[in-house]
Protein backbone atom coordinates (compact mmCIF):
# COMPACT_ATOMS: atom_id res chain seq x y z
CA MET A 1 111.34 79.10 110.91
CA HIS A 2 111.72 76.92 107.56
CA VAL A 3 109.65 78.23 104.66
CA LEU A 4 108.56 75.66 102.51
CA LYS A 5 108.92 76.61 98.93
CA MET A 6 107.03 75.08 95.58
CA ASP A 7 109.25 75.37 92.52
CA GLY A 8 111.84 77.07 94.49
CA ARG A 9 109.74 80.03 94.96
CA CYS A 10 107.99 81.12 98.16
CA ASN A 11 104.81 82.60 96.65
CA VAL A 12 102.61 81.63 93.77
CA CYS A 13 101.56 85.01 92.58
CA GLY A 14 104.74 86.66 92.00
CA GLU A 15 105.35 86.00 88.62
CA ARG A 16 101.71 87.22 88.16
CA VAL A 17 102.12 90.52 89.87
CA ARG A 18 105.18 91.32 87.81
CA LEU A 19 102.98 90.51 84.38
CA ALA A 20 99.72 92.52 85.91
CA ARG A 21 102.46 95.71 86.58
CA LYS A 22 104.38 95.92 83.52
CA ARG A 23 101.12 95.65 81.51
CA LYS A 24 99.53 98.45 83.58
CA GLY A 25 102.89 100.30 82.75
CA LEU A 26 103.73 100.93 86.41
CA SER A 27 106.99 100.49 88.21
CA GLN A 28 107.51 98.65 91.42
CA GLU A 29 107.70 101.96 92.94
CA GLN A 30 104.25 102.72 91.59
CA LEU A 31 102.74 99.46 92.68
CA ALA A 32 104.24 99.97 96.32
CA VAL A 33 102.38 103.74 96.50
CA ARG A 34 99.28 102.23 95.46
CA MET A 35 99.04 99.69 98.13
CA GLN A 36 100.54 102.38 100.58
CA LEU A 37 97.57 104.62 99.72
CA THR A 38 95.11 101.70 100.82
CA GLY A 39 97.05 101.88 104.13
CA HIS A 40 99.53 98.69 103.62
CA SER A 41 102.96 99.42 104.58
CA ILE A 42 104.77 97.94 101.46
CA THR A 43 107.88 99.42 99.91
CA GLN A 44 109.37 98.93 96.42
CA LYS A 45 111.97 96.26 97.52
CA ALA A 46 109.27 94.30 99.15
CA VAL A 47 107.55 94.33 95.72
CA SER A 48 110.66 93.47 93.96
CA ARG A 49 111.04 90.39 96.38
CA LEU A 50 107.59 89.47 96.14
CA GLU A 51 107.90 89.56 92.19
CA ALA A 52 110.94 87.36 92.36
CA GLY A 53 109.52 84.85 94.62
CA VAL A 54 111.92 85.25 97.52
CA ARG A 55 109.03 86.68 99.74
CA VAL A 56 106.01 85.42 101.18
CA VAL A 57 102.63 86.67 100.29
CA PRO A 58 100.50 87.03 103.03
CA ASP A 59 96.87 86.04 102.37
CA TYR A 60 95.70 89.42 103.39
CA GLU A 61 98.03 91.05 100.77
CA VAL A 62 96.31 89.16 97.67
CA PRO A 63 93.38 91.18 97.42
CA LEU A 64 95.25 94.70 97.89
CA LEU A 65 97.33 93.50 95.30
CA ALA A 66 94.14 92.51 93.10
CA ARG A 67 92.81 95.82 93.36
CA ALA A 68 95.98 97.84 93.14
CA LEU A 69 96.69 95.85 89.55
CA GLU A 70 92.94 95.85 88.61
CA VAL A 71 93.17 92.16 88.49
CA SER A 72 91.13 89.38 90.26
CA PRO A 73 92.44 87.63 93.30
CA LEU A 74 92.04 84.21 91.63
CA TRP A 75 94.09 85.06 88.73
CA LEU A 76 96.96 86.21 90.74
CA LEU A 77 97.03 83.07 92.57
CA GLY A 78 96.88 81.01 88.97
CA VAL A 79 93.37 79.94 89.85
CA GLU A 80 91.59 81.58 86.90
CA GLU A 81 93.01 82.21 83.53
CA GLU A 82 92.95 85.60 81.86
């Protein structure tokens, strides 16, 4: 399967996930645990790859990430400004 990339990245939200995570003072492991508590199986390594832009983010993960980081899903996608 060939993944189309935008600006060399496999997702548009990775940079904002990293920014929001750091603002909350969370480690990648802590973010993964927050998401696991919602029933979603994700690891620290997957969070790292997501933030680096080398992991595709399925649409169902965007609201889970937003909830875990206490931000808007639209902000994560770059549609909204802060």
